[in-house]
Amino acid sequence: MSTSTPASASNEASSASAAASAGAHPWRWRVVDIVVAAVLGVALGLVFWGWNTIGYAWFGAADALTPGLGGIAVGIWLLGGVVGGLVIRKPGAALVVELVAAIVSMMIGNVWGVSTVLSGLVQGLGAELVFALFLYRRFGIVVAMLAGAGAGAAAWIFELFYGSSPNILKSLEFNTIYLTTVVISGAILAGIVGWLLVRALAVTGALNRFAAGRELVREV
């Protein structure tokens, strides 16, 4: 004969539901993950579009000073992969956010056209690979910098072979300087800036449904 009360039955049901949620695969995307990835992609796409003028001018001035030095301006275009990975923390997040941002930048209008999307795809994969190497379990500033650097290295590889005048046709000195500067730019302008941006968003409460937001609350 059962002696369970309605209250205890309710508690048992709640416990079972919590256990089921805890047992769910941590890498499975939720609806909120998809929505936030889209929002981040659009927002960063607008940032990319704004940086197209400023960054390209900086790129040209630095490259005129020393060929290859223009890579120092590339980092902002790599933010999507870093921010997406730090916020959503699931396979594909870095790639999706960087790619959506690139598509938005292209649709608003820029001089690079469809190559913007191809670049976003490759750069997102570069950041994604770093998060994957850490099994999507570490998201500190060092990992953020490595993800930015990975996106920069991927951009360098893409530009080495892509286009009517690929960088492989240029000198070893140019490519060495460009690789060094684009990786440093990725680590700083995408990695550190991206990490700070995520923390700033967490402070507002916008990331309360994500580990990135809950971690900040625990720190405080």
C-alpha atoms as a PDB file:
ATOM      1  CA  MET A   1       0.000   0.000   0.000  1.00  0.00           C
ATOM      2  CA  SER A   2       1.445   3.387  -1.030  1.00  0.00           C
ATOM      3  CA  THR A   3       1.842   6.082   1.591  1.00  0.00           C
ATOM      4  CA  SER A   4       2.915   8.822  -0.834  1.00  0.00           C
ATOM      5  CA  THR A   5       1.252  12.190  -0.456  1.00  0.00           C
ATOM      6  CA  PRO A   6       0.521  14.551  -3.386  1.00  0.00           C
ATOM      7  CA  ALA A   7       3.334  16.817  -2.173  1.00  0.00           C
ATOM      8  CA  SER A   8       5.898  14.013  -2.064  1.00  0.00           C
ATOM      9  CA  ALA A   9       4.763  12.792  -5.464  1.00  0.00           C
ATOM     10  CA  SER A  10       5.230  16.299  -6.812  1.00  0.00           C
ATOM     11  CA  ASN A  11       8.711  16.492  -5.302  1.00  0.00           C
ATOM     12  CA  GLU A  12       9.615  13.142  -6.813  1.00  0.00           C
ATOM     13  CA  ALA A  13       8.405  14.315 -10.218  1.00  0.00           C
ATOM     14  CA  SER A  14      10.442  17.495  -9.911  1.00  0.00           C
ATOM     15  CA  SER A  15      13.519  15.496  -8.928  1.00  0.00           C
ATOM     16  CA  ALA A  16      13.019  13.162 -11.870  1.00  0.00           C
ATOM     17  CA  SER A  17      12.648  16.119 -14.206  1.00  0.00           C
ATOM     18  CA  ALA A  18      15.838  17.710 -12.850  1.00  0.00           C
ATOM     19  CA  ALA A  19      17.689  14.435 -13.200  1.00  0.00           C
ATOM     20  CA  ALA A  20      16.510  14.092 -16.774  1.00  0.00           C
ATOM     21  CA  SER A  21      17.679  17.617 -17.521  1.00  0.00           C
ATOM     22  CA  ALA A  22      21.036  16.956 -15.916  1.00  0.00           C
ATOM     23  CA  GLY A  23      21.325  13.759 -17.941  1.00  0.00           C
ATOM     24  CA  ALA A  24      20.715  15.590 -21.210  1.00  0.00           C
ATOM     25  CA  HIS A  25      23.754  15.907 -23.391  1.00  0.00           C
ATOM     26  CA  PRO A  26      25.508  19.170 -22.444  1.00  0.00           C
ATOM     27  CA  TRP A  27      26.396  19.808 -26.094  1.00  0.00           C
ATOM     28  CA  ARG A  28      22.800  19.678 -27.309  1.00  0.00           C
ATOM     29  CA  TRP A  29      21.592  23.041 -28.599  1.00  0.00           C
ATOM     30  CA  ARG A  30      18.564  24.615 -26.917  1.00  0.00           C
ATOM     31  CA  VAL A  31      16.172  27.032 -28.574  1.00  0.00           C
ATOM     32  CA  VAL A  32      17.728  29.861 -26.551  1.00  0.00           C
ATOM     33  CA  ASP A  33      21.164  28.902 -27.895  1.00  0.00           C
ATOM     34  CA  ILE A  34      19.933  29.206 -31.466  1.00  0.00           C
ATOM     35  CA  VAL A  35      18.244  32.545 -30.809  1.00  0.00           C
ATOM     36  CA  VAL A  36      21.254  34.028 -29.026  1.00  0.00           C
ATOM     37  CA  ALA A  37      23.643  32.768 -31.721  1.00  0.00           C
ATOM     38  CA  ALA A  38      21.517  34.557 -34.323  1.00  0.00           C
ATOM     39  CA  VAL A  39      21.347  37.762 -32.265  1.00  0.00           C
ATOM     40  CA  LEU A  40      25.097  37.749 -31.623  1.00  0.00           C
ATOM     41  CA  GLY A  41      25.765  37.070 -35.298  1.00  0.00           C
ATOM     42  CA  VAL A  42      23.625  39.995 -36.440  1.00  0.00           C
ATOM     43  CA  ALA A  43      25.073  42.363 -33.822  1.00  0.00           C
ATOM     44  CA  LEU A  44      28.649  41.440 -34.659  1.00  0.00           C
ATOM     45  CA  GLY A  45      27.849  41.614 -38.359  1.00  0.00           C
ATOM     46  CA  LEU A  46      27.024  45.287 -37.799  1.00  0.00           C
ATOM     47  CA  VAL A  47      30.334  45.666 -35.965  1.00  0.00           C
ATOM     48  CA  PHE A  48      32.126  44.037 -38.919  1.00  0.00           C
ATOM     49  CA  TRP A  49      30.358  46.372 -41.318  1.00  0.00           C
ATOM     50  CA  GLY A  50      31.444  49.411 -39.293  1.00  0.00           C
ATOM     51  CA  TRP A  51      34.981  48.066 -39.084  1.00  0.00           C
ATOM     52  CA  ASN A  52      35.121  47.580 -42.858  1.00  0.00           C
ATOM     53  CA  THR A  53      35.945  51.267 -43.273  1.00  0.00           C
ATOM     54  CA  ILE A  54      38.074  51.854 -40.174  1.00  0.00           C
ATOM     55  CA  GLY A  55      39.866  48.530 -40.281  1.00  0.00           C
ATOM     56  CA  TYR A  56      40.529  48.629 -44.002  1.00  0.00           C
ATOM     57  CA  ALA A  57      42.035  52.112 -43.688  1.00  0.00           C
ATOM     58  CA  TRP A  58      44.227  50.919 -40.811  1.00  0.00           C
ATOM     59  CA  PHE A  59      45.151  47.801 -42.774  1.00  0.00           C
ATOM     60  CA  GLY A  60      46.193  49.869 -45.795  1.00  0.00           C
ATOM     61  CA  ALA A  61      48.225  52.366 -43.753  1.00  0.00           C
ATOM     62  CA  ALA A  62      50.071  49.627 -41.838  1.00  0.00           C
ATOM     63  CA  ASP A  63      50.704  47.626 -44.999  1.00  0.00           C
ATOM     64  CA  ALA A  64      52.104  50.709 -46.714  1.00  0.00           C
ATOM     65  CA  LEU A  65      54.504  51.157 -43.803  1.00  0.00           C
ATOM     66  CA  THR A  66      55.662  47.534 -43.876  1.00  0.00           C
ATOM     67  CA  PRO A  67      54.126  44.956 -46.232  1.00  0.00           C
ATOM     68  CA  GLY A  68      52.305  42.371 -44.138  1.00  0.00           C
ATOM     69  CA  LEU A  69      51.884  44.634 -41.127  1.00  0.00           C
ATOM     70  CA  GLY A  70      48.266  45.236 -42.099  1.00  0.00           C
ATOM     71  CA  GLY A  71      47.354  41.992 -40.369  1.00  0.00           C
ATOM     72  CA  ILE A  72      47.333  43.914 -37.093  1.00  0.00           C
ATOM     73  CA  ALA A  73      43.901  45.337 -38.060  1.00  0.00           C
ATOM     74  CA  VAL A  74      42.222  42.002 -38.806  1.00  0.00           C
ATOM     75  CA  GLY A  75      41.304  40.965 -35.246  1.00  0.00           C
ATOM     76  CA  ILE A  76      37.948  42.737 -35.007  1.00  0.00           C
ATOM     77  CA  TRP A  77      36.690  40.702 -37.976  1.00  0.00           C
ATOM     78  CA  LEU A  78      37.419  37.561 -35.937  1.00  0.00           C
ATOM     79  CA  LEU A  79      35.263  38.483 -32.919  1.00  0.00           C
ATOM     80  CA  GLY A  80      32.293  36.339 -33.904  1.00  0.00           C
ATOM     81  CA  GLY A  81      33.995  33.002 -33.385  1.00  0.00           C
ATOM     82  CA  VAL A  82      35.425  33.962 -30.011  1.00  0.00           C
ATOM     83  CA  VAL A  83      32.254  35.530 -28.606  1.00  0.00           C
ATOM     84  CA  GLY A  84      30.021  32.760 -29.921  1.00  0.00           C
ATOM     85  CA  GLY A  85      32.216  30.085 -28.394  1.00  0.00           C
ATOM     86  CA  LEU A  86      32.529  31.843 -25.043  1.00  0.00           C
ATOM     87  CA  VAL A  87      28.799  32.449 -24.666  1.00  0.00           C
ATOM     88  CA  ILE A  88      27.149  29.302 -26.041  1.00  0.00           C
ATOM     89  CA  ARG A  89      29.951  26.825 -25.264  1.00  0.00           C
ATOM     90  CA  LYS A  90      28.735  24.103 -27.602  1.00  0.00           C
ATOM     91  CA  PRO A  91      30.111  22.564 -30.784  1.00  0.00           C
ATOM     92  CA  GLY A  92      29.433  24.762 -33.775  1.00  0.00           C
ATOM     93  CA  ALA A  93      28.770  27.965 -31.831  1.00  0.00           C
ATOM     94  CA  ALA A  94      31.995  29.715 -32.855  1.00  0.00           C
ATOM     95  CA  LEU A  95      31.464  28.764 -36.482  1.00  0.00           C
ATOM     96  CA  VAL A  96      27.788  29.745 -36.578  1.00  0.00           C
ATOM     97  CA  VAL A  97      28.189  33.190 -34.992  1.00  0.00           C
ATOM     98  CA  GLU A  98      31.206  34.112 -37.143  1.00  0.00           C
ATOM     99  CA  LEU A  99      29.430  32.897 -40.272  1.00  0.00           C
ATOM    100  CA  VAL A 100      26.186  34.755 -39.523  1.00  0.00           C
ATOM    101  CA  ALA A 101      28.179  37.922 -38.812  1.00  0.00           C
ATOM    102  CA  ALA A 102      30.000  37.557 -42.140  1.00  0.00           C
ATOM    103  CA  ILE A 103      26.714  37.062 -44.005  1.00  0.00           C
ATOM    104  CA  VAL A 104      25.224  40.166 -42.380  1.00  0.00           C
ATOM    105  CA  SER A 105      28.309  42.197 -43.268  1.00  0.00           C
ATOM    106  CA  MET A 106      28.098  41.032 -46.878  1.00  0.00           C
ATOM    107  CA  MET A 107      24.349  41.692 -47.157  1.00  0.00           C
ATOM    108  CA  ILE A 108      24.672  45.243 -45.851  1.00  0.00           C
ATOM    109  CA  GLY A 109      27.379  45.793 -48.425  1.00  0.00           C
ATOM    110  CA  ASN A 110      31.146  45.726 -48.650  1.00  0.00           C
ATOM    111  CA  VAL A 111      33.875  45.556 -51.289  1.00  0.00           C
ATOM    112  CA  TRP A 112      34.605  41.854 -50.788  1.00  0.00           C
ATOM    113  CA  GLY A 113      31.214  40.378 -51.644  1.00  0.00           C
ATOM    114  CA  VAL A 114      30.770  36.618 -51.290  1.00  0.00           C
ATOM    115  CA  SER A 115      34.403  36.133 -50.251  1.00  0.00           C
ATOM    116  CA  THR A 116      33.324  37.664 -46.915  1.00  0.00           C
ATOM    117  CA  VAL A 117      31.187  34.592 -46.252  1.00  0.00           C
ATOM    118  CA  LEU A 118      33.997  32.217 -47.234  1.00  0.00           C
ATOM    119  CA  SER A 119      36.348  34.090 -44.913  1.00  0.00           C
ATOM    120  CA  GLY A 120      33.801  33.904 -42.100  1.00  0.00           C
ATOM    121  CA  LEU A 121      33.452  30.168 -42.601  1.00  0.00           C
ATOM    122  CA  VAL A 122      37.209  29.573 -42.406  1.00  0.00           C
ATOM    123  CA  GLN A 123      37.767  31.976 -39.509  1.00  0.00           C
ATOM    124  CA  GLY A 124      34.906  30.441 -37.551  1.00  0.00           C
ATOM    125  CA  LEU A 125      36.428  27.001 -38.081  1.00  0.00           C
ATOM    126  CA  GLY A 126      39.771  28.295 -36.788  1.00  0.00           C
ATOM    127  CA  ALA A 127      38.209  29.457 -33.524  1.00  0.00           C
ATOM    128  CA  GLU A 128      36.016  26.356 -33.314  1.00  0.00           C
ATOM    129  CA  LEU A 129      39.042  24.079 -33.495  1.00  0.00           C
ATOM    130  CA  VAL A 130      40.578  25.693 -30.410  1.00  0.00           C
ATOM    131  CA  PHE A 131      37.413  25.309 -28.334  1.00  0.00           C
ATOM    132  CA  ALA A 132      37.194  21.695 -29.521  1.00  0.00           C
ATOM    133  CA  LEU A 133      40.788  21.026 -28.455  1.00  0.00           C
ATOM    134  CA  PHE A 134      39.739  21.993 -24.923  1.00  0.00           C
ATOM    135  CA  LEU A 135      36.612  19.780 -25.282  1.00  0.00           C
ATOM    136  CA  TYR A 136      34.367  22.842 -24.790  1.00  0.00           C
ATOM    137  CA  ARG A 137      35.219  22.858 -21.080  1.00  0.00           C
ATOM    138  CA  ARG A 138      37.574  25.808 -20.680  1.00  0.00           C
ATOM    139  CA  PHE A 139      36.586  29.377 -21.495  1.00  0.00           C
ATOM    140  CA  GLY A 140      39.030  31.662 -19.708  1.00  0.00           C
ATOM    141  CA  ILE A 141      40.952  34.524 -21.208  1.00  0.00           C
ATOM    142  CA  VAL A 142      43.830  32.283 -22.328  1.00  0.00           C
ATOM    143  CA  VAL A 143      41.482  30.030 -24.300  1.00  0.00           C
ATOM    144  CA  ALA A 144      39.789  33.131 -25.734  1.00  0.00           C
ATOM    145  CA  MET A 145      43.160  34.439 -26.917  1.00  0.00           C
ATOM    146  CA  LEU A 146      44.042  31.073 -28.429  1.00  0.00           C
ATOM    147  CA  ALA A 147      40.677  30.974 -30.216  1.00  0.00           C
ATOM    148  CA  GLY A 148      41.312  34.443 -31.636  1.00  0.00           C
ATOM    149  CA  ALA A 149      44.794  33.416 -32.691  1.00  0.00           C
ATOM    150  CA  GLY A 150      43.367  30.250 -34.273  1.00  0.00           C
ATOM    151  CA  ALA A 151      40.872  32.308 -36.254  1.00  0.00           C
ATOM    152  CA  GLY A 152      43.736  34.561 -37.358  1.00  0.00           C
ATOM    153  CA  ALA A 153      45.854  31.609 -38.490  1.00  0.00           C
ATOM    154  CA  ALA A 154      42.872  30.243 -40.421  1.00  0.00           C
ATOM    155  CA  ALA A 155      42.401  33.631 -42.101  1.00  0.00           C
ATOM    156  CA  TRP A 156      46.067  33.591 -43.093  1.00  0.00           C
ATOM    157  CA  ILE A 157      45.763  30.125 -44.639  1.00  0.00           C
ATOM    158  CA  PHE A 158      42.627  31.149 -46.531  1.00  0.00           C
ATOM    159  CA  GLU A 159      44.252  34.258 -47.975  1.00  0.00           C
ATOM    160  CA  LEU A 160      47.384  32.297 -48.825  1.00  0.00           C
ATOM    161  CA  PHE A 161      45.481  30.425 -51.529  1.00  0.00           C
ATOM    162  CA  TYR A 162      42.243  32.288 -52.246  1.00  0.00           C
ATOM    163  CA  GLY A 163      41.580  34.958 -54.841  1.00  0.00           C
ATOM    164  CA  SER A 164      43.051  36.208 -58.081  1.00  0.00           C
ATOM    165  CA  SER A 165      46.226  37.310 -56.282  1.00  0.00           C
ATOM    166  CA  PRO A 166      46.732  34.863 -53.390  1.00  0.00           C
ATOM    167  CA  ASN A 167      49.390  35.618 -50.808  1.00  0.00           C
ATOM    168  CA  ILE A 168      51.355  32.533 -51.797  1.00  0.00           C
ATOM    169  CA  LEU A 169      52.533  34.565 -54.782  1.00  0.00           C
ATOM    170  CA  LYS A 170      54.055  37.135 -52.432  1.00  0.00           C
ATOM    171  CA  SER A 171      57.380  37.002 -50.643  1.00  0.00           C
ATOM    172  CA  LEU A 172      58.233  34.817 -47.675  1.00  0.00           C
ATOM    173  CA  GLU A 173      58.973  37.973 -45.700  1.00  0.00           C
ATOM    174  CA  PHE A 174      55.487  39.350 -46.387  1.00  0.00           C
ATOM    175  CA  ASN A 175      53.772  36.113 -45.414  1.00  0.00           C
ATOM    176  CA  THR A 176      55.824  35.733 -42.252  1.00  0.00           C
ATOM    177  CA  ILE A 177      55.040  39.272 -41.111  1.00  0.00           C
ATOM    178  CA  TYR A 178      51.385  38.891 -42.064  1.00  0.00           C
ATOM    179  CA  LEU A 179      51.005  35.601 -40.210  1.00  0.00           C
ATOM    180  CA  THR A 180      52.634  37.058 -37.091  1.00  0.00           C
ATOM    181  CA  THR A 181      50.527  40.207 -37.070  1.00  0.00           C
ATOM    182  CA  VAL A 182      47.200  38.550 -37.875  1.00  0.00           C
ATOM    183  CA  VAL A 183      47.702  35.978 -35.111  1.00  0.00           C
ATOM    184  CA  ILE A 184      48.642  38.690 -32.598  1.00  0.00           C
ATOM    185  CA  SER A 185      45.675  40.781 -33.710  1.00  0.00           C
ATOM    186  CA  GLY A 186      43.390  37.782 -33.341  1.00  0.00           C
ATOM    187  CA  ALA A 187      44.666  37.069 -29.839  1.00  0.00           C
ATOM    188  CA  ILE A 188      44.215  40.689 -28.712  1.00  0.00           C
ATOM    189  CA  LEU A 189      41.377  42.269 -30.713  1.00  0.00           C
ATOM    190  CA  ALA A 190      39.292  39.094 -30.933  1.00  0.00           C
ATOM    191  CA  GLY A 191      40.500  37.134 -27.899  1.00  0.00           C
ATOM    192  CA  ILE A 192      40.929  39.699 -25.135  1.00  0.00           C
ATOM    193  CA  VAL A 193      38.322  42.138 -26.466  1.00  0.00           C
ATOM    194  CA  GLY A 194      35.879  39.270 -27.014  1.00  0.00           C
ATOM    195  CA  TRP A 195      36.415  37.949 -23.488  1.00  0.00           C
ATOM    196  CA  LEU A 196      35.860  41.432 -22.021  1.00  0.00           C
ATOM    197  CA  LEU A 197      32.760  41.906 -24.167  1.00  0.00           C
ATOM    198  CA  VAL A 198      31.235  38.663 -22.891  1.00  0.00           C
ATOM    199  CA  ARG A 199      31.910  39.690 -19.295  1.00  0.00           C
ATOM    200  CA  ALA A 200      30.307  43.086 -19.964  1.00  0.00           C
ATOM    201  CA  LEU A 201      27.213  41.362 -21.359  1.00  0.00           C
ATOM    202  CA  ALA A 202      27.112  39.049 -18.342  1.00  0.00           C
ATOM    203  CA  VAL A 203      27.077  42.021 -15.965  1.00  0.00           C
ATOM    204  CA  THR A 204      23.872  43.281 -17.595  1.00  0.00           C
ATOM    205  CA  GLY A 205      22.135  39.986 -16.892  1.00  0.00           C
ATOM    206  CA  ALA A 206      21.729  39.232 -20.595  1.00  0.00           C
ATOM    207  CA  LEU A 207      23.568  35.926 -20.204  1.00  0.00           C
ATOM    208  CA  ASN A 208      21.821  34.628 -17.080  1.00  0.00           C
ATOM    209  CA  ARG A 209      20.655  31.529 -18.958  1.00  0.00           C
ATOM    210  CA  PHE A 210      24.225  30.679 -19.888  1.00  0.00           C
ATOM    211  CA  ALA A 211      27.195  29.449 -17.896  1.00  0.00           C
ATOM    212  CA  ALA A 212      29.071  32.606 -18.888  1.00  0.00           C
ATOM    213  CA  GLY A 213      26.533  34.686 -16.942  1.00  0.00           C
ATOM    214  CA  ARG A 214      26.209  32.352 -13.962  1.00  0.00           C
ATOM    215  CA  GLU A 215      29.980  32.193 -13.510  1.00  0.00           C
ATOM    216  CA  LEU A 216      30.190  35.954 -13.117  1.00  0.00           C
ATOM    217  CA  VAL A 217      27.447  35.888 -10.487  1.00  0.00           C
ATOM    218  CA  ARG A 218      29.400  33.282  -8.498  1.00  0.00           C
ATOM    219  CA  GLU A 219      32.566  35.412  -8.742  1.00  0.00           C
ATOM    220  CA  VAL A 220      30.701  38.406  -7.311  1.00  0.00           C
END
